[in-house]
Amino acid sequence: MKYQSIILTIAILALGYVSPALAQSDEIKLDPAQAKITTVSAMRVRKAPQITGEEMMRLKLGTVVTAIARSTNQDTVGEKSDYWYRVNLPNGQTGWVFGGLLLEYVASRRQELVRQIIEARLKAENTDFPDRQEIYNLASSSIREAKDINTRAEFELLQLLALAGWARSFRDDLQDKSPYREWLKAHETQVIPNEFGGAYNLRSELLWNLEKKYHSLPIADRIAWEAAQNPQPSDCEGDEVCHFFLAEGAIKYLSVHPNGTHAAEALKYLTESLTDEVIRRANDKGGDKYAVEERIALRKDFANLRLVLAKTSAPEKIELLKKLQRITPGR
């Protein structure tokens, strides 16, 4: 009798151990079915509604699926808690995807939802080369789907930002292997190698050309600011004049949007970049040909800066003007 009791206890414990999985395999049918859209790249579809379920396939970023059932209990994956959803798959089968990586999909709001997904993925830090390819591809397809010029301009900007992120994830040590070899061949005119930081950077002129194309639209301000902030290969190593030259994008931003949304930021950045050392070297005399060339370049930037400061009404320009007054004229 005691032996039977022990066996029964073991059986109960065993059932208790697997009960979460068993409970999770129960489902609640959705009537009507619900449309969802994936918010991550290579989203795993599983045979069972749990993280240990066998993987069936992966769905691309922005894939629309139809959920026909959900798990009875919520699950926690990473920092997100949600239900698992059984969805219809392109191959005619059904599989389970985690709801924390889905958004409710409404066809009339498609462009808004896709824009939201792309913006979120551009900010994500845990994306690699294949992930960024999916972001780029989704932005590219959205350009073709755009129904008005404002939407098209937004997605053209997102496409370039996606390409910029994709370029930064390039593996130099694998450039002769697929898919890096094919990527470089397809985009070599749009990027510039960063010999100091590795990988590639987007050519800023692509963003400036886009701003010029859509200058009359509200999105132009953001395009110009993205162009101004777009990182370019540099190895300043503490050289303050070198850092000031990197601020030329802020001058250009102010030239096209003197009272733009980011005018105050641009002016603060320029004020911080125009250090005492930069002023001293601009006022120097003599030196080798490199010192002379440096002074000529600085004075060209100062001239452009004075022109844009005359156009802006942002109060942040006052301190910058005071610094410019310390530049000795005629040198």
Foldseek 3Di string as FASTA:
>chain_A
DVVVVVVVVVVVVVCVVCVVQVQQQDKDFDVVWFKKFFLFAQFFWFAGFDPPGHTDGTDGHGDIWTFGIWGPAWDDDDHDIDIWTWTQDPVRDITIGHPVRIDGDDPVCSLVVLLVSLVVLLPDDPDALVRLVSSLVSLVVQLVVDDDDVSNLSSVLSNLSSVQVNQVRQDPVQCVDPPNVVVCVVCVVQWDAQPPNGGIGGDLVVLVVSLVVPVVDPCSLVSLVCSQPGDDHDDCPPPLLSLLVNLLSLLVSLVSCVAGPCNLVSLVSNLVSLDPVVLVLLQDDDDDPVSVVSNVVVVVSLVSNVVSLVVHPDPSCPSVVVSSVSRDPPD
